[in-house]
Every structure is written in structure tokens, then in C-alpha cells.
């Protein structure tokens, strides 16, 4: 089980050019590249915003929200809601389960196409940041991502932070990373009303 502290925003449309430029200039490590498009299948559970279930690349992921930690601000134009989540990943070594074609025609499963730009930061013992490759194993850190989303032929984009590490440090890992990232952010306001996790986003888009 992995515990994370997360902060996300969702907006309709594709990623604005100015935010894309800011992200590439200030957030991405030089060797980082946008990932290839992928598809995640989400189990749509109306009025259940504390539970997220998705199928990705023959792997089932289950996320449960443990706590809502309130609104935090970063400068004068950024505010968002921090949530504590736990995640379980389920694998089937036989390859017989967790196949997308098994549920493709079931309307309770919703396809979300993603093109994701991401960067992982290691939070050092003195709470300085170091950008690292995504496959490097680190004890304390935070993933940041900027993502184009397509659901039911509609475009959305999302900006997100997902901090992990020693239990007593996870919140500080998130705050340290977001404080540093947003010190260079002068683009559109990011509001708490637009800040929530994927289950809440699905409820707004589908419901």
C-alpha cells in the first residue's frame, strides 16, 4: 500500500500555450520527455468521490481517500485542496485478468485518454529539491504532472502534485515542491473550487 498526499486541478479544454511553456521552462528536467498517449479505464461510481478504481495496462489500481486536509495557498493566485490517499495495485501474473477488452462494452467503465508530461522531484533531508528521472528509487519526493485528457470526445487538462515518502514528511514534501514550483508561476489563477481528485472530476463530467 502506498500513501500519498495529492493536489490536483481540472479545467476544460486543452493545456493553454502559456502554461505549457511555463511548465517546460521551469518544471521539466532537461532529459524529460512527454510520455506516449495512453488509455485508463475508470469505474464510474456516482456519489462515491472517496474511492477510485481504474484499469491501466493490465493492472488494476484501487485508491481510497483517507482524509481531506483543507485548502492551501501558494502565493496570491494559487489555492487548492490537499487530500490524503492510499493506493493498492493488483497484478495477475497469468495475464488472464484485468484485460481492457473484458470490460470495453460495459458502460460503468469510462475511457480516459491521456497525454502526460511529468517530472519527479526528490526532497532532500534539508528540504531542497532535486529533479530526478522517473525510474530512480527515492525515499522522499513528489511527482508533478501536466496532462491533456479526453473523455467522451471532450478535452480537459489537469495540473497535479503527488507526494510520497516517510509518513511524517509527506505533507512537507508536497508543500516544499509546490512552493518551489509556484514561485515562478504567473499564469491563470488556480482555484480551490477547481481542485479535486479523479473520482470527483468524473462525477462532474459524466453526472
N, C-alpha and C. Protein backbone atom coordinates (compact mmCIF):
# COMPACT_ATOMS: atom_id res chain seq x y z
N UNK A 1 0.85 -1.20 0.00
CA UNK A 1 0.00 0.00 0.00
C UNK A 1 0.88 1.24 0.00
N UNK A 2 0.56 2.19 -0.85
CA UNK A 2 1.28 3.45 -0.95
C UNK A 2 0.38 4.58 -0.47
N UNK A 3 0.91 5.42 0.42
CA UNK A 3 0.18 6.59 0.90
C UNK A 3 0.74 7.84 0.23
N UNK A 4 -0.14 8.67 -0.29
CA UNK A 4 0.27 9.90 -0.96
C UNK A 4 -0.58 11.07 -0.48
N UNK A 5 0.00 12.26 -0.56
CA UNK A 5 -0.74 13.49 -0.36
C UNK A 5 -0.81 14.17 -1.72
N UNK A 6 -2.03 14.51 -2.14
CA UNK A 6 -2.23 14.93 -3.52
C UNK A 6 -2.93 16.28 -3.61
N UNK A 7 -2.63 16.96 -4.72
CA UNK A 7 -3.18 18.28 -5.01
C UNK A 7 -3.40 18.33 -6.51
N UNK A 8 -4.65 18.53 -6.96
CA UNK A 8 -4.97 18.49 -8.39
C UNK A 8 -5.95 19.59 -8.76
N UNK A 9 -5.85 20.01 -10.02
CA UNK A 9 -6.82 20.93 -10.62
C UNK A 9 -7.24 20.39 -11.97
N UNK A 10 -8.50 20.64 -12.35
CA UNK A 10 -9.02 20.23 -13.65
C UNK A 10 -9.71 21.41 -14.32
N UNK A 11 -9.46 21.56 -15.65
CA UNK A 11 -10.09 22.64 -16.42
C UNK A 11 -10.48 22.13 -17.80
N UNK A 12 -11.60 22.60 -18.36
CA UNK A 12 -11.99 22.19 -19.71
C UNK A 12 -11.07 22.77 -20.76
N UNK A 13 -10.98 22.06 -21.89
CA UNK A 13 -10.13 22.49 -22.99
C UNK A 13 -8.76 21.80 -22.95
N UNK A 14 -7.91 22.17 -23.87
CA UNK A 14 -6.54 21.65 -23.89
C UNK A 14 -5.63 22.56 -23.07
N UNK A 15 -4.43 22.08 -22.78
CA UNK A 15 -3.48 22.86 -21.98
C UNK A 15 -3.21 24.20 -22.67
N UNK A 16 -3.41 25.33 -21.99
CA UNK A 16 -3.11 26.64 -22.60
C UNK A 16 -1.62 26.74 -22.95
N UNK A 17 -1.33 27.42 -24.04
CA UNK A 17 0.05 27.51 -24.52
C UNK A 17 0.97 28.14 -23.48
N UNK A 18 0.47 29.16 -22.77
CA UNK A 18 1.34 29.83 -21.80
C UNK A 18 1.69 28.91 -20.63
N UNK A 19 0.74 28.07 -20.21
CA UNK A 19 1.02 27.14 -19.12
C UNK A 19 1.92 26.02 -19.60
N UNK A 20 1.75 25.55 -20.82
CA UNK A 20 2.65 24.55 -21.39
C UNK A 20 4.08 25.09 -21.44
N UNK A 21 4.23 26.34 -21.89
CA UNK A 21 5.56 26.96 -21.98
C UNK A 21 6.18 27.09 -20.59
N UNK A 22 5.38 27.57 -19.61
CA UNK A 22 5.89 27.70 -18.24
C UNK A 22 6.34 26.36 -17.69
N UNK A 23 5.55 25.32 -17.91
CA UNK A 23 5.87 24.00 -17.39
C UNK A 23 7.16 23.47 -18.00
N UNK A 24 7.30 23.61 -19.31
CA UNK A 24 8.51 23.11 -19.97
C UNK A 24 9.75 23.89 -19.55
N UNK A 25 9.59 25.19 -19.32
CA UNK A 25 10.74 26.03 -18.97
C UNK A 25 11.15 25.88 -17.52
N UNK A 26 10.19 25.78 -16.60
CA UNK A 26 10.50 25.87 -15.18
C UNK A 26 10.38 24.54 -14.43
N UNK A 27 9.70 23.56 -15.00
CA UNK A 27 9.39 22.35 -14.22
C UNK A 27 10.06 21.09 -14.75
N UNK A 28 10.23 20.98 -16.06
CA UNK A 28 10.77 19.75 -16.61
C UNK A 28 12.29 19.71 -16.53
N UNK A 29 12.80 18.58 -16.12
CA UNK A 29 14.22 18.30 -16.17
C UNK A 29 14.63 18.20 -17.64
N UNK A 30 15.86 18.53 -17.96
CA UNK A 30 16.28 18.63 -19.35
C UNK A 30 16.04 17.35 -20.15
N UNK A 31 16.24 16.21 -19.50
CA UNK A 31 16.13 14.94 -20.23
C UNK A 31 14.71 14.40 -20.25
N UNK A 32 13.77 15.07 -19.56
CA UNK A 32 12.40 14.56 -19.51
C UNK A 32 11.70 14.78 -20.84
N UNK A 33 10.86 13.82 -21.22
CA UNK A 33 10.11 13.91 -22.45
C UNK A 33 8.65 13.58 -22.16
N UNK A 34 7.73 14.13 -22.96
CA UNK A 34 6.32 13.76 -22.76
C UNK A 34 6.12 12.28 -23.00
N UNK A 35 5.30 11.65 -22.19
CA UNK A 35 5.01 10.25 -22.37
C UNK A 35 4.10 10.04 -23.57
N UNK A 36 4.08 8.82 -24.06
CA UNK A 36 3.20 8.48 -25.15
C UNK A 36 1.75 8.48 -24.65
N UNK A 37 0.80 8.75 -25.56
CA UNK A 37 -0.61 8.70 -25.15
C UNK A 37 -0.96 7.34 -24.58
N UNK A 38 -1.85 7.33 -23.61
CA UNK A 38 -2.30 6.08 -23.01
C UNK A 38 -3.78 6.19 -22.67
N UNK A 39 -4.37 5.05 -22.40
CA UNK A 39 -5.77 4.99 -22.03
C UNK A 39 -5.92 4.36 -20.65
N UNK A 40 -6.66 5.04 -19.77
CA UNK A 40 -7.03 4.48 -18.47
C UNK A 40 -8.54 4.28 -18.47
N UNK A 41 -8.98 3.16 -17.91
CA UNK A 41 -10.40 2.87 -17.78
C UNK A 41 -10.79 3.01 -16.32
N UNK A 42 -11.73 3.92 -16.04
CA UNK A 42 -12.15 4.21 -14.67
C UNK A 42 -13.53 3.61 -14.41
N UNK A 43 -13.69 3.01 -13.25
CA UNK A 43 -15.00 2.55 -12.82
C UNK A 43 -15.76 3.74 -12.27
N UNK A 44 -16.86 4.09 -12.94
CA UNK A 44 -17.65 5.25 -12.54
C UNK A 44 -18.60 4.87 -11.42
N UNK A 45 -18.40 5.48 -10.26
CA UNK A 45 -19.23 5.21 -9.09
C UNK A 45 -19.85 6.52 -8.62
N UNK A 46 -21.08 6.82 -9.06
CA UNK A 46 -21.72 8.08 -8.69
C UNK A 46 -21.81 8.25 -7.17
N UNK A 47 -21.61 9.49 -6.73
CA UNK A 47 -21.70 9.84 -5.31
C UNK A 47 -20.72 9.07 -4.44
N UNK A 48 -19.60 8.69 -5.03
CA UNK A 48 -18.56 7.98 -4.28
C UNK A 48 -17.21 8.60 -4.63
N UNK A 49 -16.99 9.83 -4.15
CA UNK A 49 -15.79 10.57 -4.52
C UNK A 49 -14.57 10.19 -3.69
N UNK A 50 -14.73 9.29 -2.72
CA UNK A 50 -13.61 8.88 -1.87
C UNK A 50 -12.96 7.59 -2.36
N UNK A 51 -13.44 7.02 -3.47
CA UNK A 51 -12.91 5.76 -3.97
C UNK A 51 -12.67 5.86 -5.47
N UNK A 52 -11.45 5.48 -5.90
CA UNK A 52 -11.12 5.47 -7.31
C UNK A 52 -10.60 4.11 -7.73
N UNK A 53 -11.18 3.55 -8.79
CA UNK A 53 -10.77 2.25 -9.31
C UNK A 53 -10.51 2.41 -10.80
N UNK A 54 -9.32 2.01 -11.24
CA UNK A 54 -9.01 2.14 -12.66
C UNK A 54 -8.19 0.95 -13.15
N UNK A 55 -8.30 0.71 -14.45
CA UNK A 55 -7.53 -0.34 -15.12
C UNK A 55 -6.57 0.33 -16.08
N UNK A 56 -5.29 0.01 -15.90
CA UNK A 56 -4.25 0.61 -16.75
C UNK A 56 -3.22 -0.46 -17.09
N UNK A 57 -3.05 -0.69 -18.37
CA UNK A 57 -2.00 -1.60 -18.84
C UNK A 57 -2.02 -2.93 -18.08
N UNK A 58 -3.20 -3.56 -18.04
CA UNK A 58 -3.38 -4.88 -17.42
C UNK A 58 -3.05 -4.86 -15.93
N UNK A 59 -3.27 -3.73 -15.30
CA UNK A 59 -3.07 -3.60 -13.86
C UNK A 59 -4.26 -2.85 -13.27
N UNK A 60 -4.79 -3.38 -12.18
CA UNK A 60 -5.91 -2.74 -11.51
C UNK A 60 -5.40 -1.93 -10.33
N UNK A 61 -5.80 -0.67 -10.26
CA UNK A 61 -5.41 0.21 -9.17
C UNK A 61 -6.64 0.64 -8.38
N UNK A 62 -6.55 0.56 -7.07
CA UNK A 62 -7.64 0.95 -6.19
C UNK A 62 -7.11 2.04 -5.26
N UNK A 63 -7.78 3.19 -5.24
CA UNK A 63 -7.36 4.29 -4.37
C UNK A 63 -8.51 4.68 -3.44
N UNK A 64 -8.15 4.91 -2.19
CA UNK A 64 -9.14 5.27 -1.17
C UNK A 64 -8.67 6.54 -0.49
N UNK A 65 -9.57 7.54 -0.43
CA UNK A 65 -9.23 8.81 0.22
C UNK A 65 -9.36 8.65 1.73
N UNK A 66 -8.25 8.83 2.43
CA UNK A 66 -8.24 8.72 3.88
C UNK A 66 -8.67 10.00 4.57
N UNK A 67 -8.34 11.14 3.97
CA UNK A 67 -8.65 12.41 4.64
C UNK A 67 -8.63 13.56 3.65
N UNK A 68 -9.46 14.57 3.94
CA UNK A 68 -9.40 15.85 3.25
C UNK A 68 -8.72 16.82 4.19
N UNK A 69 -7.62 17.42 3.75
CA UNK A 69 -6.76 18.21 4.64
C UNK A 69 -6.94 19.71 4.49
N UNK A 70 -7.93 20.11 3.71
CA UNK A 70 -8.24 21.53 3.62
C UNK A 70 -7.55 22.25 2.48
N UNK A 71 -7.78 23.55 2.42
CA UNK A 71 -7.27 24.39 1.33
C UNK A 71 -5.92 24.98 1.72
N UNK A 72 -4.97 24.92 0.78
CA UNK A 72 -3.66 25.55 0.98
C UNK A 72 -3.45 26.57 -0.13
N UNK A 73 -2.65 27.58 0.14
CA UNK A 73 -2.36 28.63 -0.83
C UNK A 73 -0.87 28.69 -1.11
N UNK A 74 -0.55 29.04 -2.36
CA UNK A 74 0.84 29.22 -2.77
C UNK A 74 0.90 30.55 -3.52
N UNK A 75 1.32 31.59 -2.83
CA UNK A 75 1.28 32.91 -3.42
C UNK A 75 -0.14 33.44 -3.46
N UNK A 76 -0.38 34.41 -4.32
CA UNK A 76 -1.67 35.09 -4.36
C UNK A 76 -2.63 34.52 -5.40
N UNK A 77 -2.16 33.65 -6.31
CA UNK A 77 -3.04 33.21 -7.40
C UNK A 77 -3.23 31.70 -7.44
N UNK A 78 -2.73 30.98 -6.44
CA UNK A 78 -2.87 29.53 -6.43
C UNK A 78 -3.42 29.07 -5.09
N UNK A 79 -4.51 28.33 -5.14
CA UNK A 79 -5.05 27.68 -3.95
C UNK A 79 -5.67 26.35 -4.37
N UNK A 80 -5.51 25.34 -3.52
CA UNK A 80 -6.04 24.03 -3.86
C UNK A 80 -6.30 23.19 -2.63
N UNK A 81 -7.00 22.09 -2.82
CA UNK A 81 -7.39 21.20 -1.73
C UNK A 81 -6.44 20.01 -1.66
N UNK A 82 -5.84 19.81 -0.51
CA UNK A 82 -4.93 18.67 -0.30
C UNK A 82 -5.72 17.49 0.23
N UNK A 83 -5.46 16.32 -0.35
CA UNK A 83 -6.13 15.10 0.09
C UNK A 83 -5.11 14.01 0.33
N UNK A 84 -5.40 13.15 1.30
CA UNK A 84 -4.55 12.01 1.63
C UNK A 84 -5.18 10.75 1.04
N UNK A 85 -4.40 10.01 0.23
CA UNK A 85 -4.90 8.83 -0.44
C UNK A 85 -4.01 7.62 -0.15
N UNK A 86 -4.61 6.44 -0.17
CA UNK A 86 -3.87 5.18 -0.14
C UNK A 86 -4.18 4.42 -1.43
N UNK A 87 -3.15 3.75 -1.96
CA UNK A 87 -3.30 3.06 -3.24
C UNK A 87 -2.82 1.62 -3.14
N UNK A 88 -3.63 0.73 -3.72
CA UNK A 88 -3.25 -0.67 -3.89
C UNK A 88 -3.16 -0.98 -5.38
N UNK A 89 -2.15 -1.76 -5.77
CA UNK A 89 -2.00 -2.18 -7.16
C UNK A 89 -2.13 -3.70 -7.24
N UNK A 90 -2.98 -4.15 -8.15
CA UNK A 90 -3.25 -5.59 -8.28
C UNK A 90 -2.72 -6.08 -9.63
N UNK A 91 -1.92 -7.14 -9.60
CA UNK A 91 -1.36 -7.72 -10.81
C UNK A 91 -1.84 -9.16 -10.95
N UNK A 92 -1.92 -9.62 -12.17
CA UNK A 92 -2.25 -11.02 -12.45
C UNK A 92 -1.14 -11.59 -13.32
N UNK A 93 -0.30 -12.44 -12.73
CA UNK A 93 0.85 -12.99 -13.45
C UNK A 93 0.42 -13.90 -14.60
N UNK A 94 -0.82 -14.42 -14.58
CA UNK A 94 -1.29 -15.29 -15.65
C UNK A 94 -1.71 -14.49 -16.89
N UNK A 95 -1.98 -13.20 -16.71
CA UNK A 95 -2.42 -12.37 -17.83
C UNK A 95 -3.85 -12.61 -18.24
N UNK A 96 -4.61 -13.35 -17.42
CA UNK A 96 -5.99 -13.68 -17.76
C UNK A 96 -6.99 -12.64 -17.25
N UNK A 97 -6.60 -11.90 -16.23
CA UNK A 97 -7.49 -10.89 -15.65
C UNK A 97 -7.02 -9.49 -16.03
N UNK A 98 -7.86 -8.50 -15.72
CA UNK A 98 -7.54 -7.10 -15.91
C UNK A 98 -7.24 -6.77 -17.37
N UNK A 99 -8.03 -7.36 -18.28
CA UNK A 99 -7.89 -7.08 -19.70
C UNK A 99 -8.94 -6.06 -20.12
N UNK A 100 -8.50 -5.03 -20.84
CA UNK A 100 -9.43 -3.97 -21.22
C UNK A 100 -10.59 -4.49 -22.05
N UNK A 101 -10.33 -5.47 -22.92
CA UNK A 101 -11.39 -5.97 -23.79
C UNK A 101 -12.49 -6.68 -23.01
N UNK A 102 -12.19 -7.10 -21.78
CA UNK A 102 -13.19 -7.78 -20.97
C UNK A 102 -14.28 -6.82 -20.48
N UNK A 103 -13.97 -5.54 -20.43
CA UNK A 103 -14.92 -4.57 -19.88
C UNK A 103 -15.24 -3.45 -20.85
N UNK A 104 -14.72 -3.54 -22.08
CA UNK A 104 -14.83 -2.43 -23.03
C UNK A 104 -16.28 -2.06 -23.32
N UNK A 105 -17.18 -3.03 -23.31
CA UNK A 105 -18.58 -2.75 -23.65
C UNK A 105 -19.45 -2.46 -22.44
N UNK A 106 -18.84 -2.43 -21.25
CA UNK A 106 -19.60 -2.20 -20.02
C UNK A 106 -19.66 -0.69 -19.75
N UNK A 107 -20.85 -0.10 -19.73
CA UNK A 107 -20.95 1.36 -19.62
C UNK A 107 -20.49 1.93 -18.28
N UNK A 108 -20.32 1.10 -17.26
CA UNK A 108 -19.87 1.64 -15.97
C UNK A 108 -18.37 1.92 -15.98
N UNK A 109 -17.67 1.44 -17.01
CA UNK A 109 -16.24 1.73 -17.16
C UNK A 109 -16.08 2.84 -18.19
N UNK A 110 -15.34 3.86 -17.83
CA UNK A 110 -15.22 5.07 -18.66
C UNK A 110 -13.78 5.19 -19.15
N UNK A 111 -13.62 5.38 -20.45
CA UNK A 111 -12.29 5.55 -21.04
C UNK A 111 -11.83 7.00 -20.92
N UNK A 112 -10.59 7.18 -20.46
CA UNK A 112 -9.96 8.49 -20.40
C UNK A 112 -8.62 8.40 -21.13
N UNK A 113 -8.51 9.13 -22.23
CA UNK A 113 -7.25 9.19 -22.98
C UNK A 113 -6.36 10.28 -22.37
N UNK A 114 -5.07 9.97 -22.23
CA UNK A 114 -4.17 10.90 -21.56
C UNK A 114 -2.87 11.09 -22.35
N UNK A 115 -2.42 12.32 -22.39
CA UNK A 115 -1.04 12.62 -22.80
C UNK A 115 -0.43 13.41 -21.64
N UNK A 116 0.55 12.80 -20.99
CA UNK A 116 1.01 13.32 -19.71
C UNK A 116 2.47 13.77 -19.79
N UNK A 117 2.74 14.96 -19.27
CA UNK A 117 4.10 15.46 -19.10
C UNK A 117 4.39 15.41 -17.59
N UNK A 118 5.47 14.78 -17.20
CA UNK A 118 5.68 14.60 -15.76
C UNK A 118 7.13 14.81 -15.37
N UNK A 119 7.31 15.16 -14.12
CA UNK A 119 8.64 15.32 -13.54
C UNK A 119 8.59 14.86 -12.09
N UNK A 120 9.59 14.10 -11.69
CA UNK A 120 9.73 13.66 -10.30
C UNK A 120 10.81 14.48 -9.62
N UNK A 121 10.52 14.92 -8.40
CA UNK A 121 11.49 15.66 -7.59
C UNK A 121 11.81 14.86 -6.33
N UNK A 122 13.07 14.77 -6.02
CA UNK A 122 13.49 14.22 -4.73
C UNK A 122 13.58 15.35 -3.72
N UNK A 123 12.97 15.16 -2.56
CA UNK A 123 13.06 16.15 -1.48
C UNK A 123 14.15 15.68 -0.53
N UNK A 124 15.24 16.42 -0.50
CA UNK A 124 16.41 16.02 0.28
C UNK A 124 16.20 16.28 1.77
N UNK A 125 17.13 15.82 2.59
CA UNK A 125 16.97 15.94 4.04
C UNK A 125 16.87 17.38 4.51
N UNK A 126 17.48 18.30 3.77
CA UNK A 126 17.40 19.71 4.13
C UNK A 126 16.24 20.41 3.42
N UNK A 127 15.35 19.60 2.81
CA UNK A 127 14.16 20.08 2.11
C UNK A 127 14.49 20.95 0.90
N UNK A 128 15.66 20.68 0.31
CA UNK A 128 15.95 21.20 -1.02
C UNK A 128 15.47 20.19 -2.04
N UNK A 129 15.19 20.66 -3.26
CA UNK A 129 14.67 19.79 -4.30
C UNK A 129 15.74 19.42 -5.30
N UNK A 130 15.59 18.22 -5.85
CA UNK A 130 16.47 17.76 -6.91
C UNK A 130 15.63 17.00 -7.93
N UNK A 131 15.62 17.48 -9.17
CA UNK A 131 14.88 16.78 -10.22
C UNK A 131 15.58 15.48 -10.55
N UNK A 132 14.82 14.39 -10.65
CA UNK A 132 15.40 13.07 -10.91
C UNK A 132 14.58 12.38 -11.99
N UNK A 133 15.15 11.33 -12.56
CA UNK A 133 14.43 10.54 -13.55
C UNK A 133 13.30 9.77 -12.87
N UNK A 134 12.27 9.46 -13.64
CA UNK A 134 11.07 8.85 -13.06
C UNK A 134 11.33 7.45 -12.50
N UNK A 135 12.34 6.76 -13.03
CA UNK A 135 12.60 5.40 -12.58
C UNK A 135 13.62 5.31 -11.44
N UNK A 136 14.12 6.45 -10.96
CA UNK A 136 15.05 6.43 -9.84
C UNK A 136 14.29 6.15 -8.54
N UNK A 137 14.81 5.27 -7.71
CA UNK A 137 14.19 4.94 -6.44
C UNK A 137 14.64 5.96 -5.39
N UNK A 138 13.67 6.67 -4.80
CA UNK A 138 13.97 7.68 -3.79
C UNK A 138 13.04 7.48 -2.60
N UNK A 139 13.47 7.96 -1.44
CA UNK A 139 12.68 7.77 -0.22
C UNK A 139 11.61 8.84 -0.04
N UNK A 140 11.95 10.09 -0.37
CA UNK A 140 11.01 11.19 -0.19
C UNK A 140 10.99 12.04 -1.45
N UNK A 141 9.78 12.28 -1.96
CA UNK A 141 9.71 13.04 -3.18
C UNK A 141 8.29 13.43 -3.54
N UNK A 142 8.18 13.95 -4.77
CA UNK A 142 6.87 14.40 -5.25
C UNK A 142 6.86 14.33 -6.78
N UNK A 143 5.82 13.72 -7.31
CA UNK A 143 5.61 13.72 -8.75
C UNK A 143 4.77 14.94 -9.11
N UNK A 144 5.13 15.58 -10.22
CA UNK A 144 4.32 16.67 -10.74
C UNK A 144 3.96 16.33 -12.17
N UNK A 145 2.73 16.61 -12.57
CA UNK A 145 2.33 16.28 -13.93
C UNK A 145 1.38 17.31 -14.51
N UNK A 146 1.49 17.48 -15.81
CA UNK A 146 0.59 18.32 -16.59
C UNK A 146 0.04 17.42 -17.68
N UNK A 147 -1.30 17.30 -17.75
CA UNK A 147 -1.90 16.25 -18.57
C UNK A 147 -3.03 16.78 -19.43
N UNK A 148 -3.02 16.38 -20.70
CA UNK A 148 -4.18 16.56 -21.56
C UNK A 148 -5.07 15.33 -21.44
N UNK A 149 -6.37 15.55 -21.25
CA UNK A 149 -7.32 14.47 -21.05
C UNK A 149 -8.42 14.54 -22.12
N UNK A 150 -8.87 13.37 -22.57
CA UNK A 150 -10.02 13.30 -23.46
C UNK A 150 -10.99 12.29 -22.90
N UNK A 151 -12.23 12.72 -22.67
CA UNK A 151 -13.28 11.85 -22.15
C UNK A 151 -14.56 12.15 -22.90
N UNK A 152 -15.17 11.11 -23.46
CA UNK A 152 -16.40 11.26 -24.25
C UNK A 152 -16.23 12.34 -25.33
N UNK A 153 -15.05 12.34 -25.96
CA UNK A 153 -14.71 13.27 -27.04
C UNK A 153 -14.59 14.72 -26.58
N UNK A 154 -14.53 14.94 -25.29
CA UNK A 154 -14.34 16.29 -24.74
C UNK A 154 -12.93 16.42 -24.16
N UNK A 155 -12.34 17.59 -24.34
CA UNK A 155 -10.97 17.84 -23.89
C UNK A 155 -10.94 18.54 -22.54
N UNK A 156 -10.03 18.07 -21.68
CA UNK A 156 -9.76 18.70 -20.40
C UNK A 156 -8.25 18.70 -20.20
N UNK A 157 -7.79 19.50 -19.23
CA UNK A 157 -6.39 19.41 -18.83
C UNK A 157 -6.30 19.48 -17.32
N UNK A 158 -5.20 18.96 -16.80
CA UNK A 158 -5.04 18.86 -15.35
C UNK A 158 -3.59 19.15 -14.96
N UNK A 159 -3.44 19.79 -13.81
CA UNK A 159 -2.14 20.01 -13.18
C UNK A 159 -2.18 19.34 -11.81
N UNK A 160 -1.14 18.58 -11.46
CA UNK A 160 -1.24 17.78 -10.24
C UNK A 160 0.12 17.58 -9.57
N UNK A 161 0.05 17.40 -8.24
CA UNK A 161 1.19 17.02 -7.41
C UNK A 161 0.80 15.77 -6.63
N UNK A 162 1.74 14.84 -6.50
CA UNK A 162 1.50 13.61 -5.75
C UNK A 162 2.76 13.32 -4.93
N UNK A 163 2.72 13.63 -3.64
CA UNK A 163 3.88 13.49 -2.76
C UNK A 163 3.85 12.15 -2.04
N UNK A 164 5.04 11.63 -1.75
CA UNK A 164 5.18 10.33 -1.10
C UNK A 164 6.41 10.35 -0.21
N UNK A 165 6.58 9.29 0.59
CA UNK A 165 7.78 9.18 1.41
C UNK A 165 7.48 8.79 2.84
N UNK A 166 8.40 9.17 3.76
CA UNK A 166 8.21 8.88 5.17
C UNK A 166 6.93 9.54 5.65
N UNK A 167 6.14 8.83 6.43
CA UNK A 167 4.80 9.33 6.80
C UNK A 167 4.86 10.73 7.41
N UNK A 168 5.82 10.98 8.27
CA UNK A 168 5.89 12.27 8.95
C UNK A 168 6.31 13.40 8.02
N UNK A 169 6.78 13.05 6.81
CA UNK A 169 7.31 14.07 5.91
C UNK A 169 6.47 14.29 4.66
N UNK A 170 5.46 13.47 4.42
CA UNK A 170 4.79 13.53 3.12
C UNK A 170 4.17 14.90 2.86
N UNK A 171 3.50 15.46 3.85
CA UNK A 171 2.88 16.77 3.66
C UNK A 171 3.94 17.83 3.39
N UNK A 172 5.05 17.78 4.11
CA UNK A 172 6.14 18.73 3.87
C UNK A 172 6.74 18.53 2.49
N UNK A 173 6.81 17.27 2.02
CA UNK A 173 7.31 17.01 0.67
C UNK A 173 6.43 17.70 -0.37
N UNK A 174 5.12 17.63 -0.16
CA UNK A 174 4.19 18.29 -1.08
C UNK A 174 4.34 19.80 -1.01
N UNK A 175 4.36 20.36 0.18
CA UNK A 175 4.43 21.81 0.33
C UNK A 175 5.75 22.36 -0.19
N UNK A 176 6.85 21.65 0.07
CA UNK A 176 8.16 22.09 -0.40
C UNK A 176 8.20 22.15 -1.92
N UNK A 177 7.69 21.09 -2.55
CA UNK A 177 7.70 21.03 -4.01
C UNK A 177 6.80 22.10 -4.62
N UNK A 178 5.57 22.20 -4.12
CA UNK A 178 4.63 23.17 -4.68
C UNK A 178 5.09 24.61 -4.45
N UNK A 179 5.67 24.89 -3.29
CA UNK A 179 6.17 26.24 -3.02
C UNK A 179 7.25 26.63 -4.03
N UNK A 180 8.14 25.69 -4.31
CA UNK A 180 9.22 25.99 -5.26
C UNK A 180 8.67 26.14 -6.68
N UNK A 181 7.80 25.23 -7.08
CA UNK A 181 7.25 25.27 -8.43
C UNK A 181 6.47 26.56 -8.67
N UNK A 182 5.62 26.93 -7.74
CA UNK A 182 4.75 28.09 -7.96
C UNK A 182 5.47 29.41 -7.72
N UNK A 183 6.70 29.39 -7.27
CA UNK A 183 7.46 30.64 -7.14
C UNK A 183 7.70 31.29 -8.49
N UNK A 184 7.60 30.51 -9.58
CA UNK A 184 7.79 31.05 -10.92
C UNK A 184 6.50 31.12 -11.72
N UNK A 185 5.38 30.84 -11.06
CA UNK A 185 4.10 30.74 -11.77
C UNK A 185 3.39 32.09 -11.76
N UNK A 186 3.12 32.62 -12.97
CA UNK A 186 2.44 33.91 -13.11
C UNK A 186 1.30 33.82 -14.13
N UNK A 187 0.73 32.63 -14.28
CA UNK A 187 -0.28 32.41 -15.31
C UNK A 187 -1.69 32.53 -14.71
N UNK A 188 -2.66 31.84 -15.27
CA UNK A 188 -4.04 31.98 -14.80
C UNK A 188 -4.18 31.49 -13.37
N UNK A 189 -5.18 32.02 -12.66
CA UNK A 189 -5.43 31.62 -11.28
C UNK A 189 -5.83 30.14 -11.22
N UNK A 190 -5.32 29.46 -10.23
CA UNK A 190 -5.72 28.09 -9.93
C UNK A 190 -6.53 28.16 -8.63
N UNK A 191 -7.80 27.77 -8.71
CA UNK A 191 -8.73 27.99 -7.61
C UNK A 191 -9.09 26.70 -6.90
N UNK A 192 -9.41 26.83 -5.62
CA UNK A 192 -9.79 25.66 -4.82
C UNK A 192 -11.06 25.01 -5.35
N UNK A 193 -11.96 25.78 -5.94
CA UNK A 193 -13.21 25.22 -6.45
C UNK A 193 -12.95 24.26 -7.61
N UNK A 194 -11.80 24.39 -8.26
CA UNK A 194 -11.43 23.51 -9.38
C UNK A 194 -10.45 22.42 -8.96
N UNK A 195 -10.25 22.27 -7.67
CA UNK A 195 -9.25 21.35 -7.13
C UNK A 195 -9.93 20.14 -6.52
N UNK A 196 -9.72 18.96 -7.10
CA UNK A 196 -10.30 17.72 -6.61
C UNK A 196 -9.61 16.56 -7.31
N UNK A 197 -9.93 15.33 -6.90
CA UNK A 197 -9.30 14.14 -7.45
C UNK A 197 -10.13 13.58 -8.61
N UNK A 198 -9.63 12.51 -9.22
CA UNK A 198 -10.28 11.94 -10.40
C UNK A 198 -11.73 11.49 -10.14
N UNK A 199 -12.06 10.83 -9.03
CA UNK A 199 -13.46 10.45 -8.83
C UNK A 199 -14.41 11.64 -8.84
N UNK A 200 -14.01 12.74 -8.23
CA UNK A 200 -14.85 13.94 -8.24
C UNK A 200 -14.94 14.55 -9.64
N UNK A 201 -13.84 14.51 -10.37
CA UNK A 201 -13.85 15.01 -11.76
C UNK A 201 -14.80 14.20 -12.62
N UNK A 202 -14.73 12.86 -12.51
CA UNK A 202 -15.64 12.02 -13.28
C UNK A 202 -17.09 12.33 -12.96
N UNK A 203 -17.38 12.56 -11.69
CA UNK A 203 -18.76 12.87 -11.30
C UNK A 203 -19.23 14.17 -11.96
N UNK A 204 -18.34 15.16 -12.07
CA UNK A 204 -18.71 16.43 -12.68
C UNK A 204 -18.86 16.30 -14.19
N UNK A 205 -17.99 15.52 -14.83
CA UNK A 205 -18.00 15.40 -16.28
C UNK A 205 -19.14 14.51 -16.76
N UNK A 206 -19.36 13.42 -16.07
CA UNK A 206 -20.37 12.43 -16.51
C UNK A 206 -21.74 12.74 -15.92
N UNK A 207 -21.74 13.12 -14.62
CA UNK A 207 -23.02 13.35 -13.95
C UNK A 207 -23.67 14.62 -14.41
